[in-house]
Each structure stands twice: as structure tokens, then as C-alpha cells.
Amino acid sequence: MIQRNLQDACKSLHLSYIIDHYDEISFETKEQFLRDIFNIEIESRQTKKVA
């Protein structure tokens, strides 16, 4: 159920790459987690543009 809610939220926000990587992020603070997961989204989008 939680996984589905996350998928729906990411889809609504057009953050399609986050759902594939959020469980890979190790973090000590919430801010670090958000920064790292947003960086993954940005890098994935840039990679997709180049391909």
C-alpha cells in the first residue's frame, strides 16, 4: 500500500525516477535524503535527454 501511494505521488509530481531509487539512499538527515533523491531525479532526466 505504501509503495503504491509513493508511486501515485511521484507520478502526480512527474518525479518518475525517484520511485526506482529512494530505497537505495542512505542518509542521516531528512535534508540529506531529499537533496540526494532530487539529485538522482535531475541526473536521470539529464541522462534521458542525452540518450
PDB file of N, CA and C in Angstrom:
ATOM      1  N   MET A   1       0.821  -1.204   0.000  1.00  0.00           N
ATOM      2  CA  MET A   1       0.000   0.000   0.000  1.00  0.00           C
ATOM      3  C   MET A   1       0.863   1.265   0.000  1.00  0.00           C
ATOM      4  N   ILE A   2       1.871   1.294   0.860  1.00  0.00           N
ATOM      5  CA  ILE A   2       2.755   2.464   0.903  1.00  0.00           C
ATOM      6  C   ILE A   2       3.466   2.630  -0.433  1.00  0.00           C
ATOM      7  N   GLN A   3       3.958   1.535  -0.989  1.00  0.00           N
ATOM      8  CA  GLN A   3       4.651   1.587  -2.278  1.00  0.00           C
ATOM      9  C   GLN A   3       3.732   2.184  -3.340  1.00  0.00           C
ATOM     10  N   ARG A   4       2.488   1.778  -3.346  1.00  0.00           N
ATOM     11  CA  ARG A   4       1.526   2.281  -4.332  1.00  0.00           C
ATOM     12  C   ARG A   4       1.279   3.778  -4.139  1.00  0.00           C
ATOM     13  N   ASN A   5       1.145   4.211  -2.889  1.00  0.00           N
ATOM     14  CA  ASN A   5       0.954   5.635  -2.607  1.00  0.00           C
ATOM     15  C   ASN A   5       2.152   6.447  -3.088  1.00  0.00           C
ATOM     16  N   LEU A   6       3.357   5.922  -2.873  1.00  0.00           N
ATOM     17  CA  LEU A   6       4.561   6.607  -3.345  1.00  0.00           C
ATOM     18  C   LEU A   6       4.580   6.684  -4.868  1.00  0.00           C
ATOM     19  N   GLN A   7       4.219   5.603  -5.510  1.00  0.00           N
ATOM     20  CA  GLN A   7       4.182   5.598  -6.971  1.00  0.00           C
ATOM     21  C   GLN A   7       3.193   6.633  -7.492  1.00  0.00           C
ATOM     22  N   ASP A   8       2.018   6.682  -6.884  1.00  0.00           N
ATOM     23  CA  ASP A   8       1.000   7.643  -7.309  1.00  0.00           C
ATOM     24  C   ASP A   8       1.465   9.080  -7.092  1.00  0.00           C
ATOM     25  N   ALA A   9       2.082   9.345  -5.948  1.00  0.00           N
ATOM     26  CA  ALA A   9       2.569  10.694  -5.648  1.00  0.00           C
ATOM     27  C   ALA A   9       3.663  11.098  -6.630  1.00  0.00           C
ATOM     28  N   CYS A  10       4.604  10.209  -6.876  1.00  0.00           N
ATOM     29  CA  CYS A  10       5.687  10.513  -7.819  1.00  0.00           C
ATOM     30  C   CYS A  10       5.135  10.756  -9.221  1.00  0.00           C
ATOM     31  N   LYS A  11       4.156   9.969  -9.613  1.00  0.00           N
ATOM     32  CA  LYS A  11       3.545  10.152 -10.927  1.00  0.00           C
ATOM     33  C   LYS A  11       2.851  11.509 -11.014  1.00  0.00           C
ATOM     34  N   SER A  12       2.106  11.869  -9.992  1.00  0.00           N
ATOM     35  CA  SER A  12       1.404  13.158  -9.980  1.00  0.00           C
ATOM     36  C   SER A  12       2.369  14.334 -10.037  1.00  0.00           C
ATOM     37  N   LEU A  13       3.528  14.181  -9.407  1.00  0.00           N
ATOM     38  CA  LEU A  13       4.525  15.248  -9.352  1.00  0.00           C
ATOM     39  C   LEU A  13       5.533  15.175 -10.497  1.00  0.00           C
ATOM     40  N   HIS A  14       5.367  14.202 -11.382  1.00  0.00           N
ATOM     41  CA  HIS A  14       6.281  13.996 -12.509  1.00  0.00           C
ATOM     42  C   HIS A  14       7.714  13.754 -12.021  1.00  0.00           C
ATOM     43  N   LEU A  15       7.836  12.915 -11.014  1.00  0.00           N
ATOM     44  CA  LEU A  15       9.141  12.531 -10.458  1.00  0.00           C
ATOM     45  C   LEU A  15       9.329  11.033 -10.671  1.00  0.00           C
ATOM     46  N   SER A  16       9.363  10.631 -11.907  1.00  0.00           N
ATOM     47  CA  SER A  16       9.309   9.215 -12.246  1.00  0.00           C
ATOM     48  C   SER A  16      10.518   8.398 -11.817  1.00  0.00           C
ATOM     49  N   TYR A  17      11.673   9.022 -11.644  1.00  0.00           N
ATOM     50  CA  TYR A  17      12.865   8.253 -11.308  1.00  0.00           C
ATOM     51  C   TYR A  17      13.025   8.031  -9.810  1.00  0.00           C
ATOM     52  N   ILE A  18      12.395   8.846  -9.004  1.00  0.00           N
ATOM     53  CA  ILE A  18      12.540   8.736  -7.550  1.00  0.00           C
ATOM     54  C   ILE A  18      12.083   7.376  -7.047  1.00  0.00           C
ATOM     55  N   ILE A  19      10.967   6.896  -7.538  1.00  0.00           N
ATOM     56  CA  ILE A  19      10.411   5.642  -7.024  1.00  0.00           C
ATOM     57  C   ILE A  19      11.363   4.470  -7.264  1.00  0.00           C
ATOM     58  N   ASP A  20      12.196   4.561  -8.279  1.00  0.00           N
ATOM     59  CA  ASP A  20      13.144   3.485  -8.574  1.00  0.00           C
ATOM     60  C   ASP A  20      14.373   3.509  -7.679  1.00  0.00           C
ATOM     61  N   HIS A  21      14.636   4.629  -7.005  1.00  0.00           N
ATOM     62  CA  HIS A  21      15.897   4.771  -6.281  1.00  0.00           C
ATOM     63  C   HIS A  21      15.781   5.176  -4.819  1.00  0.00           C
ATOM     64  N   TYR A  22      14.603   5.512  -4.347  1.00  0.00           N
ATOM     65  CA  TYR A  22      14.504   6.059  -2.991  1.00  0.00           C
ATOM     66  C   TYR A  22      14.999   5.094  -1.921  1.00  0.00           C
ATOM     67  N   ASP A  23      14.839   3.809  -2.129  1.00  0.00           N
ATOM     68  CA  ASP A  23      15.264   2.834  -1.116  1.00  0.00           C
ATOM     69  C   ASP A  23      16.769   2.572  -1.138  1.00  0.00           C
ATOM     70  N   GLU A  24      17.492   3.132  -2.108  1.00  0.00           N
ATOM     71  CA  GLU A  24      18.944   2.966  -2.192  1.00  0.00           C
ATOM     72  C   GLU A  24      19.701   4.058  -1.439  1.00  0.00           C
ATOM     73  N   ILE A  25      19.017   5.106  -1.018  1.00  0.00           N
ATOM     74  CA  ILE A  25      19.652   6.263  -0.400  1.00  0.00           C
ATOM     75  C   ILE A  25      19.838   6.030   1.091  1.00  0.00           C
ATOM     76  N   SER A  26      21.090   6.085   1.527  1.00  0.00           N
ATOM     77  CA  SER A  26      21.350   6.067   2.969  1.00  0.00           C
ATOM     78  C   SER A  26      21.531   7.516   3.401  1.00  0.00           C
ATOM     79  N   PHE A  27      21.012   7.846   4.570  1.00  0.00           N
ATOM     80  CA  PHE A  27      21.029   9.248   4.979  1.00  0.00           C
ATOM     81  C   PHE A  27      21.032   9.371   6.491  1.00  0.00           C
ATOM     82  N   GLU A  28      21.460  10.529   6.943  1.00  0.00           N
ATOM     83  CA  GLU A  28      21.458  10.839   8.368  1.00  0.00           C
ATOM     84  C   GLU A  28      20.430  11.910   8.704  1.00  0.00           C
ATOM     85  N   THR A  29      20.095  12.746   7.740  1.00  0.00           N
ATOM     86  CA  THR A  29      19.096  13.790   7.975  1.00  0.00           C
ATOM     87  C   THR A  29      18.066  13.766   6.847  1.00  0.00           C
ATOM     88  N   LYS A  30      16.917  14.314   7.120  1.00  0.00           N
ATOM     89  CA  LYS A  30      15.874  14.400   6.101  1.00  0.00           C
ATOM     90  C   LYS A  30      16.326  15.264   4.931  1.00  0.00           C
ATOM     91  N   GLU A  31      17.029  16.333   5.260  1.00  0.00           N
ATOM     92  CA  GLU A  31      17.509  17.234   4.217  1.00  0.00           C
ATOM     93  C   GLU A  31      18.481  16.527   3.282  1.00  0.00           C
ATOM     94  N   GLN A  32      19.356  15.720   3.841  1.00  0.00           N
ATOM     95  CA  GLN A  32      20.314  14.963   3.031  1.00  0.00           C
ATOM     96  C   GLN A  32      19.573  13.997   2.114  1.00  0.00           C
ATOM     97  N   PHE A  33      18.575  13.322   2.646  1.00  0.00           N
ATOM     98  CA  PHE A  33      17.795  12.393   1.840  1.00  0.00           C
ATOM     99  C   PHE A  33      17.137  13.121   0.669  1.00  0.00           C
ATOM    100  N   LEU A  34      16.479  14.234   0.963  1.00  0.00           N
ATOM    101  CA  LEU A  34      15.811  14.983  -0.104  1.00  0.00           C
ATOM    102  C   LEU A  34      16.797  15.487  -1.142  1.00  0.00           C
ATOM    103  N   ARG A  35      17.912  16.020  -0.699  1.00  0.00           N
ATOM    104  CA  ARG A  35      18.933  16.511  -1.633  1.00  0.00           C
ATOM    105  C   ARG A  35      19.411  15.379  -2.535  1.00  0.00           C
ATOM    106  N   ASP A  36      19.719  14.235  -1.951  1.00  0.00           N
ATOM    107  CA  ASP A  36      20.244  13.114  -2.730  1.00  0.00           C
ATOM    108  C   ASP A  36      19.201  12.546  -3.689  1.00  0.00           C
ATOM    109  N   ILE A  37      17.972  12.419  -3.231  1.00  0.00           N
ATOM    110  CA  ILE A  37      16.946  11.841  -4.100  1.00  0.00           C
ATOM    111  C   ILE A  37      16.583  12.804  -5.227  1.00  0.00           C
ATOM    112  N   PHE A  38      16.580  14.108  -4.942  1.00  0.00           N
ATOM    113  CA  PHE A  38      16.332  15.074  -6.013  1.00  0.00           C
ATOM    114  C   PHE A  38      17.489  15.098  -7.002  1.00  0.00           C
ATOM    115  N   ASN A  39      18.710  14.940  -6.526  1.00  0.00           N
ATOM    116  CA  ASN A  39      19.862  14.867  -7.429  1.00  0.00           C
ATOM    117  C   ASN A  39      19.755  13.662  -8.349  1.00  0.00           C
ATOM    118  N   ILE A  40      19.280  12.547  -7.836  1.00  0.00           N
ATOM    119  CA  ILE A  40      19.083  11.363  -8.675  1.00  0.00           C
ATOM    120  C   ILE A  40      18.049  11.657  -9.757  1.00  0.00           C
ATOM    121  N   GLU A  41      16.973  12.318  -9.384  1.00  0.00           N
ATOM    122  CA  GLU A  41      15.937  12.670 -10.366  1.00  0.00           C
ATOM    123  C   GLU A  41      16.520  13.570 -11.456  1.00  0.00           C
ATOM    124  N   ILE A  42      17.270  14.568 -11.065  1.00  0.00           N
ATOM    125  CA  ILE A  42      17.870  15.502 -12.028  1.00  0.00           C
ATOM    126  C   ILE A  42      18.850  14.778 -12.945  1.00  0.00           C
ATOM    127  N   GLU A  43      19.731  13.968 -12.373  1.00  0.00           N
ATOM    128  CA  GLU A  43      20.716  13.235 -13.175  1.00  0.00           C
ATOM    129  C   GLU A  43      20.029  12.273 -14.140  1.00  0.00           C
ATOM    130  N   SER A  44      18.986  11.608 -13.689  1.00  0.00           N
ATOM    131  CA  SER A  44      18.265  10.670 -14.548  1.00  0.00           C
ATOM    132  C   SER A  44      17.602  11.392 -15.708  1.00  0.00           C
ATOM    133  N   ARG A  45      17.040  12.550 -15.447  1.00  0.00           N
ATOM    134  CA  ARG A  45      16.419  13.335 -16.519  1.00  0.00           C
ATOM    135  C   ARG A  45      17.460  13.800 -17.527  1.00  0.00           C
ATOM    136  N   GLN A  46      18.618  14.239 -17.040  1.00  0.00           N
ATOM    137  CA  GLN A  46      19.669  14.695 -17.943  1.00  0.00           C
ATOM    138  C   GLN A  46      20.189  13.543 -18.789  1.00  0.00           C
ATOM    139  N   THR A  47      20.336  12.380 -18.187  1.00  0.00           N
ATOM    140  CA  THR A  47      20.785  11.199 -18.921  1.00  0.00           C
ATOM    141  C   THR A  47      19.775  10.833 -20.000  1.00  0.00           C
ATOM    142  N   LYS A  48      18.502  10.918 -19.671  1.00  0.00           N
ATOM    143  CA  LYS A  48      17.454  10.594 -20.642  1.00  0.00           C
ATOM    144  C   LYS A  48      17.470  11.580 -21.807  1.00  0.00           C
ATOM    145  N   LYS A  49      17.729  12.859 -21.533  1.00  0.00           N
ATOM    146  CA  LYS A  49      17.784  13.869 -22.594  1.00  0.00           C
ATOM    147  C   LYS A  49      18.903  13.575 -23.582  1.00  0.00           C
ATOM    148  N   VAL A  50      20.048  13.133 -23.067  1.00  0.00           N
ATOM    149  CA  VAL A  50      21.217  12.868 -23.901  1.00  0.00           C
ATOM    150  C   VAL A  50      20.992  11.628 -24.757  1.00  0.00           C
ATOM    151  N   ALA A  51      20.319  10.643 -24.205  1.00  0.00           N
ATOM    152  CA  ALA A  51      20.116   9.370 -24.915  1.00  0.00           C
ATOM    153  C   ALA A  51      19.164   9.470 -26.068  1.00  0.00           C
TER     154      ALA A  51
END
